[in-house]
Amino acid sequence: PFIYQEVIDLGGEPITASEYTGLGRVTEFKYGAKLGTVFRK
């Protein structure tokens, strides 16, 4: 089964996405947050 895990990691907290990447994929929340900033200029 494909596993992708919701882990909100924008930095600044002790729990990180990297703790979960060995188990399956992880939702990359930085992606939409940073892409929105770029397209909004």
PDB file of all heavy atoms in Angstrom:
ATOM      1  N   PRO A   1       0.826  -1.208   0.000  1.00  0.00           N
ATOM      2  CA  PRO A   1       0.000   0.000   0.000  1.00  0.00           C
ATOM      3  C   PRO A   1       0.861   1.259   0.000  1.00  0.00           C
ATOM      4  O   PRO A   1       1.881   1.332   0.691  1.00  0.00           O
ATOM      5  CB  PRO A   1      -0.819  -0.120   1.290  1.00  0.00           C
ATOM      6  CG  PRO A   1      -0.092  -1.114   2.141  1.00  0.00           C
ATOM      7  CD  PRO A   1       0.610  -2.035   1.196  1.00  0.00           C
ATOM      8  N   PHE A   2       0.451   2.234  -0.787  1.00  0.00           N
ATOM      9  CA  PHE A   2       1.096   3.546  -0.809  1.00  0.00           C
ATOM     10  C   PHE A   2       0.730   4.271   0.476  1.00  0.00           C
ATOM     11  O   PHE A   2      -0.453   4.367   0.833  1.00  0.00           O
ATOM     12  CB  PHE A   2       0.600   4.323  -2.026  1.00  0.00           C
ATOM     13  CG  PHE A   2       1.140   5.723  -2.162  1.00  0.00           C
ATOM     14  CD1 PHE A   2       2.478   6.006  -1.947  1.00  0.00           C
ATOM     15  CD2 PHE A   2       0.299   6.762  -2.534  1.00  0.00           C
ATOM     16  CE1 PHE A   2       2.978   7.295  -2.094  1.00  0.00           C
ATOM     17  CE2 PHE A   2       0.780   8.063  -2.692  1.00  0.00           C
ATOM     18  CZ  PHE A   2       2.121   8.325  -2.464  1.00  0.00           C
ATOM     19  N   ILE A   3       1.730   4.781   1.190  1.00  0.00           N
ATOM     20  CA  ILE A   3       1.508   5.507   2.438  1.00  0.00           C
ATOM     21  C   ILE A   3       2.000   6.943   2.257  1.00  0.00           C
ATOM     22  O   ILE A   3       3.162   7.161   1.912  1.00  0.00           O
ATOM     23  CB  ILE A   3       2.277   4.870   3.619  1.00  0.00           C
ATOM     24  CG1 ILE A   3       1.883   3.397   3.809  1.00  0.00           C
ATOM     25  CG2 ILE A   3       2.069   5.684   4.901  1.00  0.00           C
ATOM     26  CD1 ILE A   3       0.524   3.162   4.390  1.00  0.00           C
ATOM     27  N   TYR A   4       1.115   7.919   2.453  1.00  0.00           N
ATOM     28  CA  TYR A   4       1.597   9.300   2.567  1.00  0.00           C
ATOM     29  C   TYR A   4       0.991   9.929   3.810  1.00  0.00           C
ATOM     30  O   TYR A   4      -0.187   9.818   4.075  1.00  0.00           O
ATOM     31  CB  TYR A   4       1.358  10.120   1.297  1.00  0.00           C
ATOM     32  CG  TYR A   4      -0.042  10.258   0.763  1.00  0.00           C
ATOM     33  CD1 TYR A   4      -0.754  11.442   0.908  1.00  0.00           C
ATOM     34  CD2 TYR A   4      -0.642   9.219   0.043  1.00  0.00           C
ATOM     35  CE1 TYR A   4      -2.020  11.599   0.373  1.00  0.00           C
ATOM     36  CE2 TYR A   4      -1.909   9.368  -0.498  1.00  0.00           C
ATOM     37  CZ  TYR A   4      -2.596  10.561  -0.331  1.00  0.00           C
ATOM     38  OH  TYR A   4      -3.859  10.705  -0.867  1.00  0.00           O
ATOM     39  N   GLN A   5       1.891  10.537   4.593  1.00  0.00           N
ATOM     40  CA  GLN A   5       1.593  10.909   5.962  1.00  0.00           C
ATOM     41  C   GLN A   5       1.496  12.425   6.117  1.00  0.00           C
ATOM     42  O   GLN A   5       2.384  13.151   5.669  1.00  0.00           O
ATOM     43  CB  GLN A   5       2.704  10.362   6.865  1.00  0.00           C
ATOM     44  CG  GLN A   5       2.878   8.852   6.724  1.00  0.00           C
ATOM     45  CD  GLN A   5       4.257   8.380   7.164  1.00  0.00           C
ATOM     46  OE1 GLN A   5       4.399   7.839   8.239  1.00  0.00           O
ATOM     47  NE2 GLN A   5       5.260   8.603   6.349  1.00  0.00           N
ATOM     48  N   GLU A   6       0.433  12.873   6.773  1.00  0.00           N
ATOM     49  CA  GLU A   6       0.296  14.298   7.041  1.00  0.00           C
ATOM     50  C   GLU A   6       1.203  14.676   8.212  1.00  0.00           C
ATOM     51  O   GLU A   6       0.942  14.310   9.359  1.00  0.00           O
ATOM     52  CB  GLU A   6      -1.149  14.666   7.382  1.00  0.00           C
ATOM     53  CG  GLU A   6      -1.316  16.162   7.553  1.00  0.00           C
ATOM     54  CD  GLU A   6      -2.484  16.565   8.440  1.00  0.00           C
ATOM     55  OE1 GLU A   6      -2.928  15.749   9.277  1.00  0.00           O
ATOM     56  OE2 GLU A   6      -2.944  17.714   8.311  1.00  0.00           O
ATOM     57  N   VAL A   7       2.285  15.385   7.896  1.00  0.00           N
ATOM     58  CA  VAL A   7       3.166  15.941   8.919  1.00  0.00           C
ATOM     59  C   VAL A   7       3.390  17.404   8.554  1.00  0.00           C
ATOM     60  O   VAL A   7       4.023  17.706   7.544  1.00  0.00           O
ATOM     61  CB  VAL A   7       4.526  15.205   8.972  1.00  0.00           C
ATOM     62  CG1 VAL A   7       5.394  15.820  10.073  1.00  0.00           C
ATOM     63  CG2 VAL A   7       4.329  13.710   9.221  1.00  0.00           C
ATOM     64  N   ILE A   8       2.832  18.306   9.336  1.00  0.00           N
ATOM     65  CA  ILE A   8       3.002  19.737   9.067  1.00  0.00           C
ATOM     66  C   ILE A   8       4.343  20.166   9.649  1.00  0.00           C
ATOM     67  O   ILE A   8       4.534  20.175  10.855  1.00  0.00           O
ATOM     68  CB  ILE A   8       1.844  20.556   9.676  1.00  0.00           C
ATOM     69  CG1 ILE A   8       0.512  20.127   9.049  1.00  0.00           C
ATOM     70  CG2 ILE A   8       2.088  22.051   9.457  1.00  0.00           C
ATOM     71  CD1 ILE A   8      -0.707  20.763   9.694  1.00  0.00           C
ATOM     72  N   ASP A   9       5.275  20.486   8.753  1.00  0.00           N
ATOM     73  CA  ASP A   9       6.619  20.880   9.166  1.00  0.00           C
ATOM     74  C   ASP A   9       7.052  22.079   8.327  1.00  0.00           C
ATOM     75  O   ASP A   9       7.534  21.925   7.212  1.00  0.00           O
ATOM     76  CB  ASP A   9       7.592  19.701   8.983  1.00  0.00           C
ATOM     77  CG  ASP A   9       9.039  20.082   9.285  1.00  0.00           C
ATOM     78  OD1 ASP A   9       9.257  21.178   9.856  1.00  0.00           O
ATOM     79  OD2 ASP A   9       9.938  19.285   8.952  1.00  0.00           O
ATOM     80  N   LEU A  10       6.856  23.266   8.876  1.00  0.00           N
ATOM     81  CA  LEU A  10       7.331  24.485   8.224  1.00  0.00           C
ATOM     82  C   LEU A  10       8.628  24.969   8.854  1.00  0.00           C
ATOM     83  O   LEU A  10       9.107  26.063   8.555  1.00  0.00           O
ATOM     84  CB  LEU A  10       6.264  25.587   8.305  1.00  0.00           C
ATOM     85  CG  LEU A  10       4.969  25.330   7.536  1.00  0.00           C
ATOM     86  CD1 LEU A  10       3.984  26.468   7.737  1.00  0.00           C
ATOM     87  CD2 LEU A  10       5.226  25.109   6.054  1.00  0.00           C
ATOM     88  N   GLY A  11       9.198  24.149   9.733  1.00  0.00           N
ATOM     89  CA  GLY A  11      10.413  24.527  10.450  1.00  0.00           C
ATOM     90  C   GLY A  11      10.080  25.153  11.788  1.00  0.00           C
ATOM     91  O   GLY A  11       8.977  25.633  12.022  1.00  0.00           O
ATOM     92  N   GLY A  12      11.038  25.109  12.704  1.00  0.00           N
ATOM     93  CA  GLY A  12      10.860  25.781  13.989  1.00  0.00           C
ATOM     94  C   GLY A  12      10.258  24.943  15.088  1.00  0.00           C
ATOM     95  O   GLY A  12      10.054  25.434  16.200  1.00  0.00           O
ATOM     96  N   GLU A  13       9.932  23.662  14.794  1.00  0.00           N
ATOM     97  CA  GLU A  13       9.394  22.773  15.824  1.00  0.00           C
ATOM     98  C   GLU A  13      10.306  21.554  15.952  1.00  0.00           C
ATOM     99  O   GLU A  13      10.980  21.177  14.987  1.00  0.00           O
ATOM    100  CB  GLU A  13       7.967  22.324  15.471  1.00  0.00           C
ATOM    101  CG  GLU A  13       6.934  23.427  15.552  1.00  0.00           C
ATOM    102  CD  GLU A  13       5.531  22.910  15.235  1.00  0.00           C
ATOM    103  OE1 GLU A  13       5.286  21.695  15.384  1.00  0.00           O
ATOM    104  OE2 GLU A  13       4.691  23.730  14.830  1.00  0.00           O
ATOM    105  N   PRO A  14      10.310  20.902  17.118  1.00  0.00           N
ATOM    106  CA  PRO A  14      11.207  19.756  17.297  1.00  0.00           C
ATOM    107  C   PRO A  14      10.806  18.531  16.481  1.00  0.00           C
ATOM    108  O   PRO A  14      11.662  17.722  16.130  1.00  0.00           O
ATOM    109  CB  PRO A  14      11.127  19.465  18.803  1.00  0.00           C
ATOM    110  CG  PRO A  14       9.831  20.074  19.249  1.00  0.00           C
ATOM    111  CD  PRO A  14       9.615  21.265  18.375  1.00  0.00           C
ATOM    112  N   ILE A  15       9.511  18.368  16.178  1.00  0.00           N
ATOM    113  CA  ILE A  15       9.075  17.228  15.371  1.00  0.00           C
ATOM    114  C   ILE A  15       9.210  17.610  13.896  1.00  0.00           C
ATOM    115  O   ILE A  15       8.671  18.630  13.456  1.00  0.00           O
ATOM    116  CB  ILE A  15       7.627  16.826  15.697  1.00  0.00           C
ATOM    117  CG1 ILE A  15       7.534  16.313  17.142  1.00  0.00           C
ATOM    118  CG2 ILE A  15       7.136  15.754  14.729  1.00  0.00           C
ATOM    119  CD1 ILE A  15       6.134  15.972  17.603  1.00  0.00           C
ATOM    120  N   THR A  16       9.929  16.781  13.145  1.00  0.00           N
ATOM    121  CA  THR A  16      10.202  17.096  11.750  1.00  0.00           C
ATOM    122  C   THR A  16       9.682  16.008  10.822  1.00  0.00           C
ATOM    123  O   THR A  16       9.508  14.851  11.231  1.00  0.00           O
ATOM    124  CB  THR A  16      11.715  17.256  11.513  1.00  0.00           C
ATOM    125  OG1 THR A  16      12.351  15.998  11.778  1.00  0.00           O
ATOM    126  CG2 THR A  16      12.304  18.333  12.418  1.00  0.00           C
ATOM    127  N   ALA A  17       9.472  16.392   9.577  1.00  0.00           N
ATOM    128  CA  ALA A  17       9.007  15.442   8.563  1.00  0.00           C
ATOM    129  C   ALA A  17       9.989  14.297   8.385  1.00  0.00           C
ATOM    130  O   ALA A  17       9.588  13.158   8.097  1.00  0.00           O
ATOM    131  CB  ALA A  17       8.787  16.173   7.238  1.00  0.00           C
ATOM    132  N   SER A  18      11.286  14.575   8.568  1.00  0.00           N
ATOM    133  CA  SER A  18      12.310  13.554   8.315  1.00  0.00           C
ATOM    134  C   SER A  18      12.163  12.343   9.235  1.00  0.00           C
ATOM    135  O   SER A  18      12.655  11.260   8.912  1.00  0.00           O
ATOM    136  CB  SER A  18      13.706  14.152   8.465  1.00  0.00           C
ATOM    137  OG  SER A  18      13.922  14.625   9.786  1.00  0.00           O
ATOM    138  N   GLU A  19      11.471  12.507  10.367  1.00  0.00           N
ATOM    139  CA  GLU A  19      11.252  11.372  11.256  1.00  0.00           C
ATOM    140  C   GLU A  19      10.316  10.337  10.635  1.00  0.00           C
ATOM    141  O   GLU A  19      10.246   9.198  11.113  1.00  0.00           O
ATOM    142  CB  GLU A  19      10.669  11.846  12.587  1.00  0.00           C
ATOM    143  CG  GLU A  19      11.599  12.733  13.403  1.00  0.00           C
ATOM    144  CD  GLU A  19      10.933  13.222  14.681  1.00  0.00           C
ATOM    145  OE1 GLU A  19      10.481  12.362  15.464  1.00  0.00           O
ATOM    146  OE2 GLU A  19      10.854  14.447  14.885  1.00  0.00           O
ATOM    147  N   TYR A  20       9.585  10.729   9.603  1.00  0.00           N
ATOM    148  CA  TYR A  20       8.555   9.872   9.029  1.00  0.00           C
ATOM    149  C   TYR A  20       8.867   9.400   7.615  1.00  0.00           C
ATOM    150  O   TYR A  20       8.176   8.523   7.094  1.00  0.00           O
ATOM    151  CB  TYR A  20       7.206  10.612   9.038  1.00  0.00           C
ATOM    152  CG  TYR A  20       6.720  10.945  10.424  1.00  0.00           C
ATOM    153  CD1 TYR A  20       7.167  12.092  11.079  1.00  0.00           C
ATOM    154  CD2 TYR A  20       5.835  10.107  11.102  1.00  0.00           C
ATOM    155  CE1 TYR A  20       6.735  12.401  12.374  1.00  0.00           C
ATOM    156  CE2 TYR A  20       5.397  10.403  12.384  1.00  0.00           C
ATOM    157  CZ  TYR A  20       5.862  11.556  13.014  1.00  0.00           C
ATOM    158  OH  TYR A  20       5.437  11.844  14.291  1.00  0.00           O
ATOM    159  N   THR A  21       9.879   9.988   6.964  1.00  0.00           N
ATOM    160  CA  THR A  21      10.127   9.671   5.562  1.00  0.00           C
ATOM    161  C   THR A  21      10.604   8.230   5.360  1.00  0.00           C
ATOM    162  O   THR A  21      10.472   7.694   4.262  1.00  0.00           O
ATOM    163  CB  THR A  21      11.153  10.639   4.943  1.00  0.00           C
ATOM    164  OG1 THR A  21      12.324  10.679   5.769  1.00  0.00           O
ATOM    165  CG2 THR A  21      10.576  12.040   4.830  1.00  0.00           C
ATOM    166  N   GLY A  22      11.141   7.602   6.400  1.00  0.00           N
ATOM    167  CA  GLY A  22      11.523   6.200   6.275  1.00  0.00           C
ATOM    168  C   GLY A  22      10.339   5.261   6.211  1.00  0.00           C
ATOM    169  O   GLY A  22      10.488   4.092   5.834  1.00  0.00           O
ATOM    170  N   LEU A  23       9.152   5.758   6.565  1.00  0.00           N
ATOM    171  CA  LEU A  23       7.951   4.916   6.636  1.00  0.00           C
ATOM    172  C   LEU A  23       7.090   5.011   5.388  1.00  0.00           C
ATOM    173  O   LEU A  23       6.274   4.127   5.116  1.00  0.00           O
ATOM    174  CB  LEU A  23       7.108   5.322   7.849  1.00  0.00           C
ATOM    175  CG  LEU A  23       7.819   5.331   9.200  1.00  0.00           C
ATOM    176  CD1 LEU A  23       6.889   5.844  10.290  1.00  0.00           C
ATOM    177  CD2 LEU A  23       8.317   3.927   9.543  1.00  0.00           C
ATOM    178  N   GLY A  24       7.228   6.092   4.653  1.00  0.00           N
ATOM    179  CA  GLY A  24       6.393   6.347   3.480  1.00  0.00           C
ATOM    180  C   GLY A  24       6.622   7.783   3.054  1.00  0.00           C
ATOM    181  O   GLY A  24       7.488   8.478   3.610  1.00  0.00           O
ATOM    182  N   ARG A  25       5.875   8.240   2.079  1.00  0.00           N
ATOM    183  CA  ARG A  25       5.991   9.648   1.690  1.00  0.00           C
ATOM    184  C   ARG A  25       5.363  10.538   2.763  1.00  0.00           C
ATOM    185  O   ARG A  25       4.585  10.074   3.606  1.00  0.00           O
ATOM    186  CB  ARG A  25       5.326   9.898   0.338  1.00  0.00           C
ATOM    187  CG  ARG A  25       6.153   9.352  -0.828  1.00  0.00           C
ATOM    188  CD  ARG A  25       5.627   9.786  -2.171  1.00  0.00           C
ATOM    189  NE  ARG A  25       6.387   9.151  -3.231  1.00  0.00           N
ATOM    190  CZ  ARG A  25       7.276   9.761  -4.000  1.00  0.00           C
ATOM    191  NH1 ARG A  25       7.503  11.064  -3.852  1.00  0.00           N
ATOM    192  NH2 ARG A  25       7.930   9.099  -4.940  1.00  0.00           N
ATOM    193  N   VAL A  26       5.692  11.819   2.693  1.00  0.00           N
ATOM    194  CA  VAL A  26       5.200  12.781   3.668  1.00  0.00           C
ATOM    195  C   VAL A  26       4.695  14.010   2.908  1.00  0.00           C
ATOM    196  O   VAL A  26       5.267  14.406   1.886  1.00  0.00           O
ATOM    197  CB  VAL A  26       6.315  13.180   4.664  1.00  0.00           C
ATOM    198  CG1 VAL A  26       5.832  14.281   5.606  1.00  0.00           C
ATOM    199  CG2 VAL A  26       6.765  11.964   5.463  1.00  0.00           C
ATOM    200  N   THR A  27       3.618  14.592   3.396  1.00  0.00           N
ATOM    201  CA  THR A  27       3.063  15.803   2.787  1.00  0.00           C
ATOM    202  C   THR A  27       4.037  16.961   2.993  1.00  0.00           C
ATOM    203  O   THR A  27       4.361  17.308   4.124  1.00  0.00           O
ATOM    204  CB  THR A  27       1.713  16.147   3.428  1.00  0.00           C
ATOM    205  OG1 THR A  27       1.873  16.136   4.857  1.00  0.00           O
ATOM    206  CG2 THR A  27       0.644  15.134   3.039  1.00  0.00           C
ATOM    207  N   GLU A  28       4.492  17.573   1.897  1.00  0.00           N
ATOM    208  CA  GLU A  28       5.468  18.667   1.976  1.00  0.00           C
ATOM    209  C   GLU A  28       4.717  20.003   2.019  1.00  0.00           C
ATOM    210  O   GLU A  28       4.382  20.585   0.987  1.00  0.00           O
ATOM    211  CB  GLU A  28       6.429  18.604   0.784  1.00  0.00           C
ATOM    212  CG  GLU A  28       7.482  19.704   0.768  1.00  0.00           C
ATOM    213  CD  GLU A  28       8.262  19.855   2.061  1.00  0.00           C
ATOM    214  OE1 GLU A  28       7.750  20.564   2.967  1.00  0.00           O
ATOM    215  OE2 GLU A  28       9.366  19.302   2.172  1.00  0.00           O
ATOM    216  N   PHE A  29       4.443  20.464   3.251  1.00  0.00           N
ATOM    217  CA  PHE A  29       3.661  21.688   3.423  1.00  0.00           C
ATOM    218  C   PHE A  29       4.428  22.952   3.025  1.00  0.00           C
ATOM    219  O   PHE A  29       3.827  23.980   2.750  1.00  0.00           O
ATOM    220  CB  PHE A  29       3.163  21.793   4.865  1.00  0.00           C
ATOM    221  CG  PHE A  29       1.898  21.020   5.120  1.00  0.00           C
ATOM    222  CD1 PHE A  29       1.953  19.681   5.464  1.00  0.00           C
ATOM    223  CD2 PHE A  29       0.660  21.616   4.994  1.00  0.00           C
ATOM    224  CE1 PHE A  29       0.794  18.955   5.686  1.00  0.00           C
ATOM    225  CE2 PHE A  29      -0.512  20.903   5.212  1.00  0.00           C
ATOM    226  CZ  PHE A  29      -0.445  19.569   5.562  1.00  0.00           C
ATOM    227  N   LYS A  30       5.763  22.867   3.006  1.00  0.00           N
ATOM    228  CA  LYS A  30       6.522  24.037   2.561  1.00  0.00           C
ATOM    229  C   LYS A  30       6.217  24.360   1.103  1.00  0.00           C
ATOM    230  O   LYS A  30       6.333  25.521   0.672  1.00  0.00           O
ATOM    231  CB  LYS A  30       8.029  23.787   2.714  1.00  0.00           C
ATOM    232  CG  LYS A  30       8.523  23.589   4.143  1.00  0.00           C
ATOM    233  CD  LYS A  30      10.048  23.455   4.160  1.00  0.00           C
ATOM    234  CE  LYS A  30      10.605  23.163   5.551  1.00  0.00           C
ATOM    235  NZ  LYS A  30      10.565  21.722   5.859  1.00  0.00           N
ATOM    236  N   TYR A  31       5.852  23.353   0.334  1.00  0.00           N
ATOM    237  CA  TYR A  31       5.658  23.501  -1.108  1.00  0.00           C
ATOM    238  C   TYR A  31       4.612  24.567  -1.431  1.00  0.00           C
ATOM    239  O   TYR A  31       4.896  25.551  -2.116  1.00  0.00           O
ATOM    240  CB  TYR A  31       5.246  22.147  -1.698  1.00  0.00           C
ATOM    241  CG  TYR A  31       5.305  22.066  -3.206  1.00  0.00           C
ATOM    242  CD1 TYR A  31       6.392  21.469  -3.835  1.00  0.00           C
ATOM    243  CD2 TYR A  31       4.281  22.551  -4.008  1.00  0.00           C
ATOM    244  CE1 TYR A  31       6.457  21.367  -5.220  1.00  0.00           C
ATOM    245  CE2 TYR A  31       4.335  22.464  -5.387  1.00  0.00           C
ATOM    246  CZ  TYR A  31       5.423  21.863  -5.990  1.00  0.00           C
ATOM    247  OH  TYR A  31       5.488  21.777  -7.363  1.00  0.00           O
ATOM    248  N   GLY A  32       3.392  24.380  -0.943  1.00  0.00           N
ATOM    249  CA  GLY A  32       2.324  25.330  -1.249  1.00  0.00           C
ATOM    250  C   GLY A  32       2.526  26.674  -0.584  1.00  0.00           C
ATOM    251  O   GLY A  32       2.207  27.723  -1.166  1.00  0.00           O
ATOM    252  N   ALA A  33       3.084  26.655   0.637  1.00  0.00           N
ATOM    253  CA  ALA A  33       3.293  27.912   1.354  1.00  0.00           C
ATOM    254  C   ALA A  33       4.295  28.799   0.612  1.00  0.00           C
ATOM    255  O   ALA A  33       4.069  30.008   0.431  1.00  0.00           O
ATOM    256  CB  ALA A  33       3.786  27.622   2.770  1.00  0.00           C
ATOM    257  N   LYS A  34       5.408  28.201   0.161  1.00  0.00           N
ATOM    258  CA  LYS A  34       6.439  28.986  -0.517  1.00  0.00           C
ATOM    259  C   LYS A  34       6.041  29.321  -1.951  1.00  0.00           C
ATOM    260  O   LYS A  34       6.323  30.423  -2.436  1.00  0.00           O
ATOM    261  CB  LYS A  34       7.771  28.227  -0.474  1.00  0.00           C
ATOM    262  CG  LYS A  34       8.334  28.125   0.937  1.00  0.00           C
ATOM    263  CD  LYS A  34       9.674  27.396   0.987  1.00  0.00           C
ATOM    264  CE  LYS A  34      10.252  27.429   2.398  1.00  0.00           C
ATOM    265  NZ  LYS A  34      11.568  26.769   2.474  1.00  0.00           N
ATOM    266  N   LEU A  35       5.380  28.382  -2.633  1.00  0.00           N
ATOM    267  CA  LEU A  35       4.967  28.652  -4.009  1.00  0.00           C
ATOM    268  C   LEU A  35       3.948  29.785  -4.059  1.00  0.00           C
ATOM    269  O   LEU A  35       3.987  30.636  -4.956  1.00  0.00           O
ATOM    270  CB  LEU A  35       4.388  27.381  -4.646  1.00  0.00           C
ATOM    271  CG  LEU A  35       4.312  27.372  -6.169  1.00  0.00           C
ATOM    272  CD1 LEU A  35       5.688  27.484  -6.805  1.00  0.00           C
ATOM    273  CD2 LEU A  35       3.610  26.100  -6.660  1.00  0.00           C
ATOM    274  N   GLY A  36       3.036  29.813  -3.070  1.00  0.00           N
ATOM    275  CA  GLY A  36       2.074  30.911  -2.998  1.00  0.00           C
ATOM    276  C   GLY A  36       2.752  32.257  -2.810  1.00  0.00           C
ATOM    277  O   GLY A  36       2.367  33.260  -3.431  1.00  0.00           O
ATOM    278  N   THR A  37       3.778  32.291  -1.966  1.00  0.00           N
ATOM    279  CA  THR A  37       4.519  33.536  -1.744  1.00  0.00           C
ATOM    280  C   THR A  37       5.186  34.015  -3.037  1.00  0.00           C
ATOM    281  O   THR A  37       5.174  35.202  -3.355  1.00  0.00           O
ATOM    282  CB  THR A  37       5.589  33.323  -0.657  1.00  0.00           C
ATOM    283  OG1 THR A  37       4.936  32.931   0.558  1.00  0.00           O
ATOM    284  CG2 THR A  37       6.377  34.588  -0.397  1.00  0.00           C
ATOM    285  N   VAL A  38       5.745  33.072  -3.806  1.00  0.00           N
ATOM    286  CA  VAL A  38       6.427  33.432  -5.054  1.00  0.00           C
ATOM    287  C   VAL A  38       5.437  33.952  -6.089  1.00  0.00           C
ATOM    288  O   VAL A  38       5.660  35.006  -6.704  1.00  0.00           O
ATOM    289  CB  VAL A  38       7.214  32.224  -5.602  1.00  0.00           C
ATOM    290  CG1 VAL A  38       7.771  32.541  -6.983  1.00  0.00           C
ATOM    291  CG2 VAL A  38       8.343  31.843  -4.653  1.00  0.00           C
ATOM    292  N   PHE A  39       4.339  33.246  -6.300  1.00  0.00           N
ATOM    293  CA  PHE A  39       3.384  33.684  -7.316  1.00  0.00           C
ATOM    294  C   PHE A  39       2.667  34.974  -6.918  1.00  0.00           C
ATOM    295  O   PHE A  39       2.262  35.751  -7.780  1.00  0.00           O
ATOM    296  CB  PHE A  39       2.383  32.573  -7.635  1.00  0.00           C
ATOM    297  CG  PHE A  39       2.863  31.643  -8.716  1.00  0.00           C
ATOM    298  CD1 PHE A  39       3.585  30.500  -8.399  1.00  0.00           C
ATOM    299  CD2 PHE A  39       2.631  31.913 -10.051  1.00  0.00           C
ATOM    300  CE1 PHE A  39       4.057  29.638  -9.387  1.00  0.00           C
ATOM    301  CE2 PHE A  39       3.090  31.074 -11.060  1.00  0.00           C
ATOM    302  CZ  PHE A  39       3.804  29.933 -10.720  1.00  0.00           C
ATOM    303  N   ARG A  40       2.528  35.214  -5.619  1.00  0.00           N
ATOM    304  CA  ARG A  40       1.938  36.484  -5.160  1.00  0.00           C
ATOM    305  C   ARG A  40       2.964  37.619  -5.166  1.00  0.00           C
ATOM    306  O   ARG A  40       2.604  38.765  -4.921  1.00  0.00           O
ATOM    307  CB  ARG A  40       1.374  36.316  -3.742  1.00  0.00           C
ATOM    308  CG  ARG A  40       0.164  35.402  -3.637  1.00  0.00           C
ATOM    309  CD  ARG A  40      -0.356  35.389  -2.213  1.00  0.00           C
ATOM    310  NE  ARG A  40      -1.403  34.397  -1.998  1.00  0.00           N
ATOM    311  CZ  ARG A  40      -2.693  34.561  -2.293  1.00  0.00           C
ATOM    312  NH1 ARG A  40      -3.088  35.706  -2.838  1.00  0.00           N
ATOM    313  NH2 ARG A  40      -3.559  33.608  -2.054  1.00  0.00           N
ATOM    314  N   LYS A  41       4.247  37.277  -5.382  1.00  0.00           N
ATOM    315  CA  LYS A  41       5.350  38.244  -5.411  1.00  0.00           C
ATOM    316  C   LYS A  41       5.535  38.936  -4.062  1.00  0.00           C
ATOM    317  O   LYS A  41       5.979  40.091  -4.001  1.00  0.00           O
ATOM    318  CB  LYS A  41       5.144  39.296  -6.520  1.00  0.00           C
ATOM    319  CG  LYS A  41       4.921  38.731  -7.901  1.00  0.00           C
ATOM    320  CD  LYS A  41       4.758  39.877  -8.910  1.00  0.00           C
ATOM    321  CE  LYS A  41       3.954  39.449 -10.103  1.00  0.00           C
ATOM    322  NZ  LYS A  41       3.686  40.556 -11.019  1.00  0.00           N
TER     323      LYS A  41
END
